[in-house]
Amino acid sequence: MLLSADGTRTSGTAALFSEPGRKGGLRPWAGDFRVATDATGVEIPVGMALTLEMPDGRSGKVIVQSRKGGSKNTVLALLGEDQAPF
């Protein structure tokens, strides 16, 4: 689930991955978010900051890097900003 600052929730499926961490730093992470087909009319612009909520309640801050697909198969490329929620 993606949560925007105004409280709008967008359901979908995330495929996430992390990179090896830098010495003493957080491990960078990113992934794709496929917007659910029942989430019609979703407009999430590139550059928007969101919260990615996992099914188990953990969450992480993300930035939308790019947007692919049409209205029925939208995929957002996300870049994590803090500790990975997985």
C-alpha atoms as a PDB file:
ATOM      1  CA  MET A   1       0.000   0.000   0.000  1.00  0.00           C
ATOM      2  CA  LEU A   2       1.239   3.489  -0.835  1.00  0.00           C
ATOM      3  CA  LEU A   3       0.190   6.325   1.442  1.00  0.00           C
ATOM      4  CA  SER A   4       0.443   9.963   0.343  1.00  0.00           C
ATOM      5  CA  ALA A   5       0.825  12.977   2.654  1.00  0.00           C
ATOM      6  CA  ASP A   6      -2.872  13.825   2.238  1.00  0.00           C
ATOM      7  CA  GLY A   7      -3.891  10.345   3.464  1.00  0.00           C
ATOM      8  CA  THR A   8      -4.752   8.860   0.063  1.00  0.00           C
ATOM      9  CA  ARG A   9      -4.100   5.108  -0.012  1.00  0.00           C
ATOM     10  CA  THR A  10      -3.210   3.230  -3.203  1.00  0.00           C
ATOM     11  CA  SER A  11      -3.231  -0.561  -3.132  1.00  0.00           C
ATOM     12  CA  GLY A  12      -0.928  -2.719  -5.201  1.00  0.00           C
ATOM     13  CA  THR A  13       1.976  -5.157  -5.169  1.00  0.00           C
ATOM     14  CA  ALA A  14       5.609  -4.289  -4.485  1.00  0.00           C
ATOM     15  CA  ALA A  15       8.755  -6.081  -5.669  1.00  0.00           C
ATOM     16  CA  LEU A  16      11.609  -4.737  -3.545  1.00  0.00           C
ATOM     17  CA  PHE A  17      15.352  -5.289  -3.327  1.00  0.00           C
ATOM     18  CA  SER A  18      18.311  -3.908  -1.396  1.00  0.00           C
ATOM     19  CA  GLU A  19      21.931  -3.292  -2.305  1.00  0.00           C
ATOM     20  CA  PRO A  20      24.975  -4.080  -0.159  1.00  0.00           C
ATOM     21  CA  GLY A  21      25.382  -1.380   2.484  1.00  0.00           C
ATOM     22  CA  ARG A  22      28.161   1.154   2.503  1.00  0.00           C
ATOM     23  CA  LYS A  23      30.564   1.060   5.402  1.00  0.00           C
ATOM     24  CA  GLY A  24      28.616   2.287   8.414  1.00  0.00           C
ATOM     25  CA  GLY A  25      25.577   3.377   6.385  1.00  0.00           C
ATOM     26  CA  LEU A  26      22.088   2.235   5.557  1.00  0.00           C
ATOM     27  CA  ARG A  27      21.605  -0.347   2.828  1.00  0.00           C
ATOM     28  CA  PRO A  28      20.097   1.389  -0.238  1.00  0.00           C
ATOM     29  CA  TRP A  29      16.833  -0.138  -1.416  1.00  0.00           C
ATOM     30  CA  ALA A  30      14.371   0.287  -4.268  1.00  0.00           C
ATOM     31  CA  GLY A  31      11.715  -1.569  -6.205  1.00  0.00           C
ATOM     32  CA  ASP A  32       8.652  -1.522  -8.400  1.00  0.00           C
ATOM     33  CA  PHE A  33       5.069  -1.009  -7.262  1.00  0.00           C
ATOM     34  CA  ARG A  34       2.309  -2.354  -9.514  1.00  0.00           C
ATOM     35  CA  VAL A  35      -0.883  -0.405  -8.825  1.00  0.00           C
ATOM     36  CA  ALA A  36      -3.913  -2.670  -8.267  1.00  0.00           C
ATOM     37  CA  THR A  37      -6.307  -2.818 -11.204  1.00  0.00           C
ATOM     38  CA  ASP A  38      -9.188  -1.677  -8.992  1.00  0.00           C
ATOM     39  CA  ALA A  39      -7.317   1.552  -8.133  1.00  0.00           C
ATOM     40  CA  THR A  40      -8.706   3.502 -11.083  1.00  0.00           C
ATOM     41  CA  GLY A  41      -7.852   7.135 -11.686  1.00  0.00           C
ATOM     42  CA  VAL A  42      -4.670   7.042  -9.620  1.00  0.00           C
ATOM     43  CA  GLU A  43      -2.364   9.951 -10.442  1.00  0.00           C
ATOM     44  CA  ILE A  44       0.981   9.649  -8.673  1.00  0.00           C
ATOM     45  CA  PRO A  45       3.545  11.994 -10.239  1.00  0.00           C
ATOM     46  CA  VAL A  46       7.274  11.344 -10.577  1.00  0.00           C
ATOM     47  CA  GLY A  47       9.155  12.917  -7.677  1.00  0.00           C
ATOM     48  CA  MET A  48       6.312  12.463  -5.187  1.00  0.00           C
ATOM     49  CA  ALA A  49       7.269  11.365  -1.669  1.00  0.00           C
ATOM     50  CA  LEU A  50       5.138   8.531  -0.271  1.00  0.00           C
ATOM     51  CA  THR A  51       5.098   5.978   2.518  1.00  0.00           C
ATOM     52  CA  LEU A  52       5.197   2.331   1.481  1.00  0.00           C
ATOM     53  CA  GLU A  53       3.246   0.196   3.959  1.00  0.00           C
ATOM     54  CA  MET A  54       3.971  -3.522   4.129  1.00  0.00           C
ATOM     55  CA  PRO A  55       1.265  -6.118   4.975  1.00  0.00           C
ATOM     56  CA  ASP A  56       2.903  -6.775   8.366  1.00  0.00           C
ATOM     57  CA  GLY A  57       2.660  -3.087   9.365  1.00  0.00           C
ATOM     58  CA  ARG A  58       6.255  -2.034   8.700  1.00  0.00           C
ATOM     59  CA  SER A  59       6.733   1.030   6.491  1.00  0.00           C
ATOM     60  CA  GLY A  60       9.381   3.043   4.700  1.00  0.00           C
ATOM     61  CA  LYS A  61       9.621   6.371   2.913  1.00  0.00           C
ATOM     62  CA  VAL A  62       9.989   6.293  -0.879  1.00  0.00           C
ATOM     63  CA  ILE A  63      10.267   8.669  -3.838  1.00  0.00           C
ATOM     64  CA  VAL A  64       8.634   7.868  -7.187  1.00  0.00           C
ATOM     65  CA  GLN A  65      11.476   7.690  -9.741  1.00  0.00           C
ATOM     66  CA  SER A  66       9.453   6.850 -12.859  1.00  0.00           C
ATOM     67  CA  ARG A  67       6.037   5.745 -14.026  1.00  0.00           C
ATOM     68  CA  LYS A  68       5.346   3.112 -16.703  1.00  0.00           C
ATOM     69  CA  GLY A  69       2.226   1.636 -18.217  1.00  0.00           C
ATOM     70  CA  GLY A  70      -1.275   2.878 -18.760  1.00  0.00           C
ATOM     71  CA  SER A  71      -4.349   3.304 -16.612  1.00  0.00           C
ATOM     72  CA  LYS A  72      -4.839  -0.447 -16.100  1.00  0.00           C
ATOM     73  CA  ASN A  73      -1.236  -1.570 -15.582  1.00  0.00           C
ATOM     74  CA  THR A  74       0.636   1.283 -13.923  1.00  0.00           C
ATOM     75  CA  VAL A  75       4.067   0.427 -12.482  1.00  0.00           C
ATOM     76  CA  LEU A  76       5.952   2.920 -10.331  1.00  0.00           C
ATOM     77  CA  ALA A  77       9.723   2.695  -9.830  1.00  0.00           C
ATOM     78  CA  LEU A  78      10.435   3.560  -6.181  1.00  0.00           C
ATOM     79  CA  LEU A  79      13.634   4.597  -4.410  1.00  0.00           C
ATOM     80  CA  GLY A  80      13.780   4.069  -0.637  1.00  0.00           C
ATOM     81  CA  GLU A  81      14.824   6.995   1.549  1.00  0.00           C
ATOM     82  CA  ASP A  82      15.430   5.426   4.941  1.00  0.00           C
ATOM     83  CA  GLN A  83      15.669   1.980   6.540  1.00  0.00           C
ATOM     84  CA  ALA A  84      14.162  -0.744   4.330  1.00  0.00           C
ATOM     85  CA  PRO A  85      10.858  -2.106   5.710  1.00  0.00           C
ATOM     86  CA  PHE A  86      11.772  -5.689   4.790  1.00  0.00           C
END
